[in-house]
Each structure stands twice: as structure tokens, then as C-alpha cells.
């Protein structure tokens, strides 16, 4: 079996996930993971599949492009490398960081620069900017993975200092605490 990631981009409309997953099913691919989103009117989907050994990457790419040539969707297939690199990142903790406040150019760049400086991985990011000064209209939500060698206190202090500088409300919470409090 080959582990592959298939990226699908195009104008959003009903039925894209059904189209893609049914075609993958017909090709005897096992769907392992899906992440999709709509950014404004654009669809972006990521599908991790286990493809049969008899279905090489190049063949899958060609068949997907042929199947969806009139759909306006752009399909790209890559192999997922499983060379053990992920094992070094398995030890650590996930935190959720949310900022709320007025829109400004460079918000994601400024916070991600701090996060990268500490060698922390951003696992998920959602930023919704409606513009203007409505303090509830602009929200960034980061899911970050912190390994034991990171100085959490310094990281969090730097993030809070940047939020203060930019007039943003910031909340940083361990994922387990966030999930527990949201169950109540």
C-alpha cells in the first residue's frame, strides 16, 4: 500500500467531497484522514489515503485529473513520507491560542514569527478577518504543539507581550483544559 495525500482546490459548490471520496473508493483507496475548508468561495480539501500497491502515484494523479477535468477542480497528489521523522515530535503538549481584536496587517506573520523562533509547530490555524475595529470581528485561533525542551513561560510571555502591543485579547490554554471546560 502507498500512503498519499491528495489536494483538491476549486470554486466551492455542493458535492465536491462526495465526488472525490467516491472516485477514491472506486480506485480502492482507503480514506485515512480528511481536512477541508471553505475560504471565502474557494474549496480546499486534503485527503490522506492508503492506495493499493497496484496504483502508482502517477497513475492516480492522471486518473484524478482525467475524472475531474471539466469540474474546475485542481488536483495534486503526493506521497506521504513515513521515514520516522514524526516520532521526534510525538512528545509534547498541544495548546490552543486565540487572539481577538482590531484587524491589522501582519497579525499572522507577527505571531507565527514568535512561535517559529521557539521551534514550536503550528498544527492548525484559522484566521477570520472582517476588517475594521470591531474587537469581536477579527479572530485568530492557533493550535500549537510544544515539545518538552521549549521554555513555555518565555514563549507565552512573548506572545502576550505582542498581543498587548497590538491591542489584542489573547488566551492560551492547554488543549485538555479547553476540551474539558467546553464539555461543561
N, C-alpha and C. Protein backbone atom coordinates (compact mmCIF):
# COMPACT_ATOMS: atom_id res chain seq x y z
N UNK A 1 0.83 -1.19 0.00
CA UNK A 1 0.00 0.00 0.00
C UNK A 1 0.88 1.25 0.00
N UNK A 2 0.39 2.28 -0.66
CA UNK A 2 1.07 3.57 -0.72
C UNK A 2 0.24 4.59 0.05
N UNK A 3 0.89 5.36 0.92
CA UNK A 3 0.17 6.43 1.62
C UNK A 3 0.36 7.71 0.81
N UNK A 4 -0.76 8.34 0.44
CA UNK A 4 -0.73 9.52 -0.41
C UNK A 4 -1.57 10.63 0.20
N UNK A 5 -1.23 11.86 -0.16
CA UNK A 5 -2.08 13.00 0.19
C UNK A 5 -2.53 13.63 -1.12
N UNK A 6 -3.82 13.84 -1.21
CA UNK A 6 -4.43 14.42 -2.39
C UNK A 6 -4.99 15.78 -2.01
N UNK A 7 -4.56 16.80 -2.74
CA UNK A 7 -5.02 18.17 -2.51
C UNK A 7 -6.01 18.52 -3.62
N UNK A 8 -7.15 19.07 -3.22
CA UNK A 8 -8.19 19.45 -4.16
C UNK A 8 -8.54 20.92 -3.92
N UNK A 9 -8.43 21.73 -4.96
CA UNK A 9 -8.74 23.16 -4.87
C UNK A 9 -9.72 23.54 -5.97
N UNK A 10 -10.60 24.50 -5.68
CA UNK A 10 -11.52 24.99 -6.71
C UNK A 10 -12.65 25.80 -6.11
N UNK A 11 -13.49 26.35 -6.98
CA UNK A 11 -14.66 27.10 -6.52
C UNK A 11 -15.56 26.16 -5.72
N UNK A 12 -16.04 26.65 -4.59
CA UNK A 12 -16.89 25.82 -3.74
C UNK A 12 -18.26 25.61 -4.37
N UNK A 13 -18.78 24.43 -4.14
CA UNK A 13 -20.15 24.07 -4.54
C UNK A 13 -20.49 22.76 -3.84
N UNK A 14 -21.75 22.46 -3.71
CA UNK A 14 -22.14 21.19 -3.07
C UNK A 14 -21.64 19.98 -3.86
N UNK A 15 -21.21 18.95 -3.15
CA UNK A 15 -20.88 17.68 -3.76
C UNK A 15 -19.42 17.40 -4.04
N UNK A 16 -18.52 18.34 -3.74
CA UNK A 16 -17.11 18.11 -4.05
C UNK A 16 -16.56 16.93 -3.25
N UNK A 17 -16.85 16.90 -1.96
CA UNK A 17 -16.33 15.80 -1.13
C UNK A 17 -16.89 14.47 -1.61
N UNK A 18 -18.16 14.44 -1.96
CA UNK A 18 -18.76 13.21 -2.48
C UNK A 18 -18.08 12.77 -3.77
N UNK A 19 -17.84 13.70 -4.67
CA UNK A 19 -17.16 13.39 -5.93
C UNK A 19 -15.79 12.76 -5.68
N UNK A 20 -15.00 13.43 -4.86
CA UNK A 20 -13.62 12.99 -4.62
C UNK A 20 -13.59 11.65 -3.88
N UNK A 21 -14.35 11.55 -2.79
CA UNK A 21 -14.29 10.32 -1.99
C UNK A 21 -14.87 9.12 -2.73
N UNK A 22 -15.90 9.32 -3.53
CA UNK A 22 -16.44 8.20 -4.30
C UNK A 22 -15.47 7.74 -5.38
N UNK A 23 -14.77 8.68 -6.01
CA UNK A 23 -13.77 8.29 -7.00
C UNK A 23 -12.62 7.52 -6.33
N UNK A 24 -12.19 8.01 -5.17
CA UNK A 24 -11.13 7.29 -4.44
C UNK A 24 -11.60 5.90 -4.03
N UNK A 25 -12.84 5.77 -3.63
CA UNK A 25 -13.41 4.47 -3.26
C UNK A 25 -13.40 3.52 -4.47
N UNK A 26 -13.78 4.05 -5.64
CA UNK A 26 -13.78 3.24 -6.86
C UNK A 26 -12.38 2.77 -7.23
N UNK A 27 -11.38 3.56 -6.85
CA UNK A 27 -9.98 3.18 -7.10
C UNK A 27 -9.41 2.30 -5.99
N UNK A 28 -10.27 1.89 -5.04
CA UNK A 28 -9.92 1.02 -3.93
C UNK A 28 -8.93 1.66 -2.95
N UNK A 29 -9.03 2.98 -2.82
CA UNK A 29 -8.21 3.69 -1.84
C UNK A 29 -8.95 3.74 -0.51
N UNK A 30 -8.21 3.57 0.57
CA UNK A 30 -8.78 3.67 1.90
C UNK A 30 -8.54 5.09 2.43
N UNK A 31 -9.61 5.79 2.74
CA UNK A 31 -9.51 7.16 3.24
C UNK A 31 -9.12 7.12 4.71
N UNK A 32 -7.98 7.76 5.05
CA UNK A 32 -7.49 7.75 6.43
C UNK A 32 -7.74 9.05 7.17
N UNK A 33 -7.72 10.15 6.43
CA UNK A 33 -7.84 11.45 7.08
C UNK A 33 -8.32 12.46 6.05
N UNK A 34 -9.19 13.37 6.48
CA UNK A 34 -9.70 14.43 5.60
C UNK A 34 -9.72 15.73 6.38
N UNK A 35 -9.30 16.78 5.71
CA UNK A 35 -9.44 18.12 6.26
C UNK A 35 -9.85 19.01 5.10
N UNK A 36 -10.98 19.69 5.24
CA UNK A 36 -11.42 20.57 4.18
C UNK A 36 -11.95 21.85 4.78
N UNK A 37 -11.88 22.90 3.98
CA UNK A 37 -12.38 24.19 4.44
C UNK A 37 -12.82 25.01 3.25
N UNK A 38 -13.60 26.03 3.55
CA UNK A 38 -14.01 26.99 2.56
C UNK A 38 -13.38 28.32 2.97
N UNK A 39 -12.58 28.89 2.10
CA UNK A 39 -12.01 30.21 2.32
C UNK A 39 -12.68 31.14 1.32
N UNK A 40 -13.55 31.99 1.86
CA UNK A 40 -14.40 32.84 1.05
C UNK A 40 -15.19 31.92 0.14
N UNK A 41 -15.03 31.92 -1.16
CA UNK A 41 -15.80 31.00 -2.02
C UNK A 41 -14.95 29.88 -2.61
N UNK A 42 -13.79 29.65 -2.02
CA UNK A 42 -12.87 28.65 -2.55
C UNK A 42 -12.83 27.41 -1.65
N UNK A 43 -12.91 26.24 -2.27
CA UNK A 43 -12.83 24.96 -1.58
C UNK A 43 -11.37 24.53 -1.53
N UNK A 44 -10.93 24.05 -0.37
CA UNK A 44 -9.60 23.45 -0.23
C UNK A 44 -9.78 22.17 0.57
N UNK A 45 -9.41 21.05 -0.01
CA UNK A 45 -9.54 19.77 0.66
C UNK A 45 -8.25 18.98 0.61
N UNK A 46 -7.97 18.28 1.71
CA UNK A 46 -6.77 17.45 1.83
C UNK A 46 -7.22 16.06 2.25
N UNK A 47 -6.87 15.07 1.46
CA UNK A 47 -7.31 13.70 1.68
C UNK A 47 -6.08 12.81 1.79
N UNK A 48 -5.89 12.18 2.94
CA UNK A 48 -4.81 11.21 3.10
C UNK A 48 -5.42 9.84 2.86
N UNK A 49 -4.84 9.11 1.91
CA UNK A 49 -5.38 7.80 1.54
C UNK A 49 -4.28 6.76 1.53
N UNK A 50 -4.71 5.53 1.74
CA UNK A 50 -3.86 4.37 1.53
C UNK A 50 -4.30 3.81 0.18
N UNK A 51 -3.42 3.90 -0.81
CA UNK A 51 -3.75 3.43 -2.15
C UNK A 51 -3.19 2.02 -2.34
N UNK A 52 -3.86 1.21 -3.15
CA UNK A 52 -3.33 -0.14 -3.42
C UNK A 52 -1.93 -0.06 -4.04
N UNK A 53 -1.12 -1.04 -3.78
CA UNK A 53 0.25 -1.08 -4.33
C UNK A 53 0.22 -1.10 -5.86
N UNK A 54 -0.89 -1.58 -6.42
CA UNK A 54 -1.03 -1.64 -7.88
C UNK A 54 -1.42 -0.30 -8.50
N UNK A 55 -1.56 0.74 -7.67
CA UNK A 55 -1.96 2.06 -8.16
C UNK A 55 -0.84 3.06 -7.84
N UNK A 56 0.11 3.20 -8.75
CA UNK A 56 1.21 4.15 -8.51
C UNK A 56 0.70 5.60 -8.47
N UNK A 57 1.47 6.43 -7.84
CA UNK A 57 1.13 7.85 -7.69
C UNK A 57 0.83 8.50 -9.04
N UNK A 58 1.66 8.27 -10.02
CA UNK A 58 1.49 8.90 -11.34
C UNK A 58 0.17 8.49 -11.98
N UNK A 59 -0.20 7.22 -11.81
CA UNK A 59 -1.46 6.73 -12.37
C UNK A 59 -2.64 7.37 -11.66
N UNK A 60 -2.58 7.44 -10.34
CA UNK A 60 -3.66 8.08 -9.58
C UNK A 60 -3.80 9.54 -9.99
N UNK A 61 -2.69 10.26 -10.08
CA UNK A 61 -2.73 11.67 -10.49
C UNK A 61 -3.39 11.80 -11.86
N UNK A 62 -3.00 10.97 -12.80
CA UNK A 62 -3.55 11.02 -14.16
C UNK A 62 -5.05 10.71 -14.15
N UNK A 63 -5.45 9.67 -13.42
CA UNK A 63 -6.87 9.30 -13.37
C UNK A 63 -7.72 10.38 -12.70
N UNK A 64 -7.19 10.98 -11.62
CA UNK A 64 -7.93 12.03 -10.94
C UNK A 64 -8.09 13.25 -11.86
N UNK A 65 -7.03 13.63 -12.54
CA UNK A 65 -7.10 14.78 -13.45
C UNK A 65 -8.07 14.51 -14.60
N UNK A 66 -8.06 13.31 -15.12
CA UNK A 66 -8.98 12.95 -16.20
C UNK A 66 -10.43 12.97 -15.72
N UNK A 67 -10.66 12.38 -14.54
CA UNK A 67 -12.01 12.32 -13.98
C UNK A 67 -12.59 13.72 -13.71
N UNK A 68 -11.74 14.64 -13.27
CA UNK A 68 -12.23 15.95 -12.85
C UNK A 68 -11.86 17.08 -13.81
N UNK A 69 -11.48 16.74 -15.06
CA UNK A 69 -11.01 17.78 -15.99
C UNK A 69 -12.05 18.85 -16.29
N UNK A 70 -13.32 18.52 -16.27
CA UNK A 70 -14.37 19.51 -16.58
C UNK A 70 -14.99 20.12 -15.32
N UNK A 71 -14.46 19.78 -14.16
CA UNK A 71 -15.06 20.23 -12.90
C UNK A 71 -14.53 21.57 -12.41
N UNK A 72 -13.41 22.03 -12.98
CA UNK A 72 -12.79 23.25 -12.49
C UNK A 72 -11.94 23.02 -11.25
N UNK A 73 -11.82 21.77 -10.83
CA UNK A 73 -11.01 21.44 -9.65
C UNK A 73 -9.56 21.18 -10.06
N UNK A 74 -8.65 21.61 -9.21
CA UNK A 74 -7.23 21.34 -9.41
C UNK A 74 -6.84 20.25 -8.42
N UNK A 75 -6.30 19.17 -8.93
CA UNK A 75 -5.95 18.00 -8.12
C UNK A 75 -4.43 17.83 -8.13
N UNK A 76 -3.88 17.57 -6.95
CA UNK A 76 -2.45 17.28 -6.87
C UNK A 76 -2.25 16.12 -5.89
N UNK A 77 -1.42 15.18 -6.27
CA UNK A 77 -1.15 14.01 -5.42
C UNK A 77 0.34 13.96 -5.06
N UNK A 78 0.59 13.65 -3.80
CA UNK A 78 1.96 13.48 -3.29
C UNK A 78 2.02 12.25 -2.41
N UNK A 79 3.19 11.65 -2.33
CA UNK A 79 3.40 10.57 -1.37
C UNK A 79 3.58 11.18 0.01
N UNK A 80 3.09 10.49 1.01
CA UNK A 80 3.31 10.89 2.40
C UNK A 80 4.55 10.16 2.87
N UNK A 81 5.55 10.92 3.26
CA UNK A 81 6.79 10.31 3.73
C UNK A 81 6.58 9.78 5.14
N UNK A 82 6.96 8.54 5.34
CA UNK A 82 6.84 7.91 6.65
C UNK A 82 8.20 7.40 7.09
N UNK A 83 9.18 8.29 7.08
CA UNK A 83 10.55 7.88 7.40
C UNK A 83 10.89 8.05 8.88
N UNK A 84 9.88 8.13 9.73
CA UNK A 84 10.13 8.20 11.15
C UNK A 84 10.37 9.59 11.70
N UNK A 85 10.35 10.62 10.86
CA UNK A 85 10.59 11.98 11.34
C UNK A 85 9.56 12.41 12.36
N UNK A 86 8.34 11.97 12.22
CA UNK A 86 7.29 12.40 13.13
C UNK A 86 7.55 11.93 14.56
N UNK A 87 8.24 10.80 14.73
CA UNK A 87 8.47 10.25 16.06
C UNK A 87 9.13 11.24 17.01
N UNK A 88 10.04 12.08 16.48
CA UNK A 88 10.73 13.03 17.35
C UNK A 88 9.79 14.10 17.86
N UNK A 89 8.65 14.29 17.22
CA UNK A 89 7.70 15.33 17.63
C UNK A 89 6.56 14.78 18.48
N UNK A 90 6.55 13.48 18.73
CA UNK A 90 5.42 12.88 19.44
C UNK A 90 5.36 13.29 20.90
N UNK A 91 6.47 13.63 21.51
CA UNK A 91 6.48 14.02 22.91
C UNK A 91 6.27 15.52 23.00
N UNK A 92 5.22 15.89 23.69
CA UNK A 92 4.92 17.30 23.83
C UNK A 92 3.45 17.49 24.16
N UNK A 93 3.03 18.74 24.15
CA UNK A 93 1.66 19.06 24.52
C UNK A 93 1.08 20.05 23.51
N UNK A 94 -0.23 19.95 23.34
CA UNK A 94 -0.92 20.84 22.43
C UNK A 94 -1.62 21.94 23.22
N UNK A 95 -1.43 23.17 22.76
CA UNK A 95 -2.08 24.33 23.35
C UNK A 95 -2.91 25.05 22.29
N UNK A 96 -3.96 25.69 22.75
CA UNK A 96 -4.80 26.50 21.89
C UNK A 96 -4.57 27.96 22.24
N UNK A 97 -4.31 28.76 21.23
CA UNK A 97 -4.09 30.17 21.43
C UNK A 97 -5.08 30.93 20.56
N UNK A 98 -5.80 31.85 21.16
CA UNK A 98 -6.78 32.65 20.43
C UNK A 98 -6.50 34.12 20.67
N UNK A 99 -6.52 34.89 19.59
CA UNK A 99 -6.43 36.34 19.73
C UNK A 99 -7.68 36.95 19.10
N UNK A 100 -8.15 38.02 19.75
CA UNK A 100 -9.34 38.73 19.27
C UNK A 100 -9.03 40.21 19.35
N UNK A 101 -9.37 40.93 18.30
CA UNK A 101 -9.15 42.38 18.34
C UNK A 101 -9.16 43.00 16.97
N UNK A 102 -8.78 44.26 16.91
CA UNK A 102 -8.84 45.00 15.65
C UNK A 102 -7.92 44.40 14.58
N UNK A 103 -8.38 44.47 13.34
CA UNK A 103 -7.61 43.96 12.22
C UNK A 103 -6.42 44.88 11.95
N UNK A 104 -5.29 44.25 11.65
CA UNK A 104 -4.08 44.97 11.29
C UNK A 104 -3.29 44.10 10.32
N UNK A 105 -2.58 44.72 9.42
CA UNK A 105 -1.73 43.94 8.51
C UNK A 105 -0.65 43.24 9.31
N UNK A 106 -0.37 42.00 8.94
CA UNK A 106 0.76 41.28 9.52
C UNK A 106 0.49 40.56 10.83
N UNK A 107 -0.77 40.41 11.23
CA UNK A 107 -1.04 39.74 12.50
C UNK A 107 -0.53 38.31 12.51
N UNK A 108 -0.87 37.53 11.50
CA UNK A 108 -0.43 36.14 11.45
C UNK A 108 1.09 36.09 11.36
N UNK A 109 1.68 36.95 10.56
CA UNK A 109 3.14 36.97 10.41
C UNK A 109 3.83 37.26 11.74
N UNK A 110 3.31 38.22 12.48
CA UNK A 110 3.96 38.62 13.74
C UNK A 110 3.90 37.51 14.79
N UNK A 111 2.74 36.85 14.91
CA UNK A 111 2.63 35.78 15.91
C UNK A 111 3.36 34.52 15.47
N UNK A 112 3.26 34.19 14.19
CA UNK A 112 3.94 32.97 13.73
C UNK A 112 5.46 33.12 13.81
N UNK A 113 5.96 34.34 13.70
CA UNK A 113 7.41 34.57 13.83
C UNK A 113 7.87 34.23 15.24
N UNK A 114 7.09 34.63 16.24
CA UNK A 114 7.43 34.30 17.63
C UNK A 114 7.37 32.80 17.84
N UNK A 115 6.32 32.18 17.36
CA UNK A 115 6.14 30.74 17.52
C UNK A 115 7.29 29.99 16.86
N UNK A 116 7.68 30.40 15.67
CA UNK A 116 8.78 29.74 14.95
C UNK A 116 10.12 29.94 15.67
N UNK A 117 10.31 31.11 16.27
CA UNK A 117 11.56 31.39 16.98
C UNK A 117 11.78 30.39 18.12
N UNK A 118 10.70 29.89 18.70
CA UNK A 118 10.79 28.90 19.78
C UNK A 118 10.77 27.45 19.25
N UNK A 119 10.78 27.30 17.95
CA UNK A 119 10.74 25.98 17.30
C UNK A 119 9.49 25.20 17.68
N UNK A 120 8.38 25.93 17.77
CA UNK A 120 7.08 25.33 18.08
C UNK A 120 6.34 25.15 16.76
N UNK A 121 5.65 24.03 16.62
CA UNK A 121 4.93 23.73 15.39
C UNK A 121 3.48 24.21 15.47
N UNK A 122 3.03 24.93 14.46
CA UNK A 122 1.62 25.29 14.33
C UNK A 122 0.94 24.14 13.61
N UNK A 123 0.04 23.45 14.32
CA UNK A 123 -0.64 22.30 13.74
C UNK A 123 -1.90 22.71 12.99
N UNK A 124 -2.50 23.80 13.43
CA UNK A 124 -3.73 24.26 12.80
C UNK A 124 -3.84 25.76 13.04
N UNK A 125 -4.33 26.47 12.07
CA UNK A 125 -4.51 27.91 12.18
C UNK A 125 -5.78 28.29 11.44
N UNK A 126 -6.60 29.06 12.10
CA UNK A 126 -7.79 29.61 11.45
C UNK A 126 -7.82 31.09 11.80
N UNK A 127 -7.83 31.91 10.78
CA UNK A 127 -7.87 33.35 10.98
C UNK A 127 -9.04 33.91 10.17
N UNK A 128 -9.91 34.65 10.85
CA UNK A 128 -11.06 35.27 10.19
C UNK A 128 -10.94 36.76 10.42
N UNK A 129 -10.74 37.50 9.32
CA UNK A 129 -10.60 38.95 9.41
C UNK A 129 -11.75 39.60 8.68
N UNK A 130 -12.57 40.31 9.42
CA UNK A 130 -13.68 41.04 8.81
C UNK A 130 -13.32 42.50 8.60
N UNK A 131 -12.14 42.90 9.04
CA UNK A 131 -11.69 44.27 8.88
C UNK A 131 -12.27 45.18 9.94
N UNK A 132 -11.78 46.38 9.98
CA UNK A 132 -12.31 47.37 10.90
C UNK A 132 -11.84 47.18 12.32
N UNK A 133 -12.45 47.94 13.22
CA UNK A 133 -12.04 47.96 14.62
C UNK A 133 -12.97 47.20 15.54
N UNK A 134 -13.93 46.45 14.99
CA UNK A 134 -14.81 45.65 15.83
C UNK A 134 -13.97 44.61 16.56
N UNK A 135 -13.88 44.72 17.89
CA UNK A 135 -12.99 43.81 18.63
C UNK A 135 -13.39 42.35 18.54
N UNK A 136 -14.62 42.06 18.16
CA UNK A 136 -15.03 40.66 18.04
C UNK A 136 -15.04 40.19 16.59
N UNK A 137 -14.71 41.08 15.67
CA UNK A 137 -14.79 40.75 14.25
C UNK A 137 -13.57 40.09 13.68
N UNK A 138 -12.48 40.07 14.41
CA UNK A 138 -11.22 39.54 13.88
C UNK A 138 -10.65 38.55 14.88
N UNK A 139 -10.63 37.29 14.48
CA UNK A 139 -10.22 36.22 15.40
C UNK A 139 -9.17 35.34 14.73
N UNK A 140 -8.11 35.04 15.48
CA UNK A 140 -7.11 34.07 15.04
C UNK A 140 -7.08 32.96 16.08
N UNK A 141 -7.12 31.73 15.61
CA UNK A 141 -7.08 30.59 16.51
C UNK A 141 -5.97 29.64 16.04
N UNK A 142 -4.98 29.46 16.91
CA UNK A 142 -3.83 28.61 16.62
C UNK A 142 -3.90 27.37 17.50
N UNK A 143 -3.54 26.24 16.92
CA UNK A 143 -3.28 25.03 17.70
C UNK A 143 -1.79 24.78 17.55
N UNK A 144 -1.06 24.85 18.67
CA UNK A 144 0.39 24.72 18.61
C UNK A 144 0.85 23.52 19.44
N UNK A 145 1.89 22.87 18.95
CA UNK A 145 2.44 21.69 19.61
C UNK A 145 3.80 22.04 20.19
N UNK A 146 3.93 21.92 21.51
CA UNK A 146 5.13 22.35 22.21
C UNK A 146 5.85 21.13 22.78
N UNK A 147 7.11 20.97 22.39
CA UNK A 147 7.93 19.87 22.89
C UNK A 147 8.50 20.24 24.26
N UNK A 148 8.93 19.24 25.03
CA UNK A 148 9.41 19.50 26.40
C UNK A 148 10.61 20.44 26.49
N UNK A 149 11.40 20.56 25.45
CA UNK A 149 12.60 21.41 25.51
C UNK A 149 12.30 22.90 25.33
N UNK A 150 11.05 23.26 25.06
CA UNK A 150 10.67 24.67 24.84
C UNK A 150 10.41 25.35 26.18
N UNK A 151 10.89 26.55 26.32
CA UNK A 151 10.62 27.37 27.51
C UNK A 151 9.22 27.98 27.35
N UNK A 152 8.21 27.23 27.85
CA UNK A 152 6.81 27.65 27.69
C UNK A 152 6.56 29.03 28.28
N UNK A 153 7.10 29.27 29.46
CA UNK A 153 6.85 30.54 30.14
C UNK A 153 7.33 31.71 29.28
N UNK A 154 8.53 31.61 28.72
CA UNK A 154 9.05 32.69 27.87
C UNK A 154 8.23 32.82 26.59
N UNK A 155 7.88 31.69 25.98
CA UNK A 155 7.05 31.72 24.78
C UNK A 155 5.74 32.44 25.06
N UNK A 156 5.04 32.02 26.10
CA UNK A 156 3.75 32.62 26.42
C UNK A 156 3.89 34.10 26.77
N UNK A 157 4.95 34.46 27.49
CA UNK A 157 5.19 35.87 27.81
C UNK A 157 5.40 36.69 26.54
N UNK A 158 6.19 36.17 25.61
CA UNK A 158 6.43 36.88 24.35
C UNK A 158 5.15 37.04 23.54
N UNK A 159 4.32 35.99 23.52
CA UNK A 159 3.05 36.07 22.80
C UNK A 159 2.12 37.08 23.44
N UNK A 160 2.06 37.07 24.77
CA UNK A 160 1.19 38.03 25.48
C UNK A 160 1.69 39.47 25.28
N UNK A 161 2.99 39.64 25.30
CA UNK A 161 3.57 40.98 25.09
C UNK A 161 3.22 41.49 23.69
N UNK A 162 3.29 40.63 22.68
CA UNK A 162 2.95 41.03 21.31
C UNK A 162 1.46 41.37 21.22
N UNK A 163 0.62 40.59 21.89
CA UNK A 163 -0.81 40.87 21.88
C UNK A 163 -1.10 42.22 22.52
N UNK A 164 -0.47 42.50 23.64
CA UNK A 164 -0.64 43.81 24.29
C UNK A 164 -0.22 44.94 23.36
N UNK A 165 0.92 44.76 22.73
CA UNK A 165 1.46 45.76 21.81
C UNK A 165 0.48 46.05 20.66
N UNK A 166 -0.24 45.02 20.23
CA UNK A 166 -1.16 45.14 19.10
C UNK A 166 -2.61 45.37 19.52
N UNK A 167 -2.83 45.56 20.83
CA UNK A 167 -4.17 45.82 21.37
C UNK A 167 -5.12 44.65 21.11
N UNK A 168 -4.61 43.44 21.32
CA UNK A 168 -5.41 42.22 21.12
C UNK A 168 -5.62 41.51 22.44
N UNK A 169 -6.78 40.89 22.58
CA UNK A 169 -7.03 40.00 23.70
C UNK A 169 -6.45 38.64 23.31
N UNK A 170 -5.70 38.01 24.20
CA UNK A 170 -5.09 36.71 23.90
C UNK A 170 -5.43 35.72 25.00
N UNK A 171 -5.72 34.50 24.59
CA UNK A 171 -5.96 33.41 25.54
C UNK A 171 -5.13 32.22 25.09
N UNK A 172 -4.39 31.65 26.03
CA UNK A 172 -3.58 30.47 25.75
C UNK A 172 -3.98 29.41 26.77
N UNK A 173 -4.39 28.25 26.25
CA UNK A 173 -4.92 27.22 27.13
C UNK A 173 -4.47 25.85 26.64
N UNK A 174 -4.13 24.97 27.57
CA UNK A 174 -3.80 23.59 27.22
C UNK A 174 -5.04 22.97 26.56
N UNK A 175 -4.82 22.18 25.53
CA UNK A 175 -5.94 21.58 24.79
C UNK A 175 -6.84 20.75 25.69
N UNK A 176 -6.26 19.99 26.62
CA UNK A 176 -7.07 19.15 27.52
C UNK A 176 -7.99 19.99 28.40
N UNK A 177 -7.49 21.12 28.88
CA UNK A 177 -8.31 22.01 29.72
C UNK A 177 -9.41 22.63 28.87
N UNK A 178 -9.05 23.06 27.67
CA UNK A 178 -10.04 23.64 26.77
C UNK A 178 -11.18 22.66 26.50
N UNK A 179 -10.82 21.42 26.19
CA UNK A 179 -11.84 20.40 25.88
C UNK A 179 -12.69 20.08 27.10
N UNK A 180 -12.07 20.01 28.27
CA UNK A 180 -12.81 19.70 29.50
C UNK A 180 -13.80 20.82 29.85
N UNK A 181 -13.36 22.06 29.73
CA UNK A 181 -14.25 23.18 30.08
C UNK A 181 -15.36 23.36 29.06
N UNK A 182 -15.14 22.96 27.83
CA UNK A 182 -16.17 23.10 26.82
C UNK A 182 -17.18 21.96 26.84
N UNK A 183 -16.92 20.91 27.61
CA UNK A 183 -17.89 19.83 27.79
C UNK A 183 -18.93 20.20 28.83
N UNK A 184 -18.59 21.14 29.70
CA UNK A 184 -19.48 21.51 30.81
C UNK A 184 -20.66 22.30 30.29
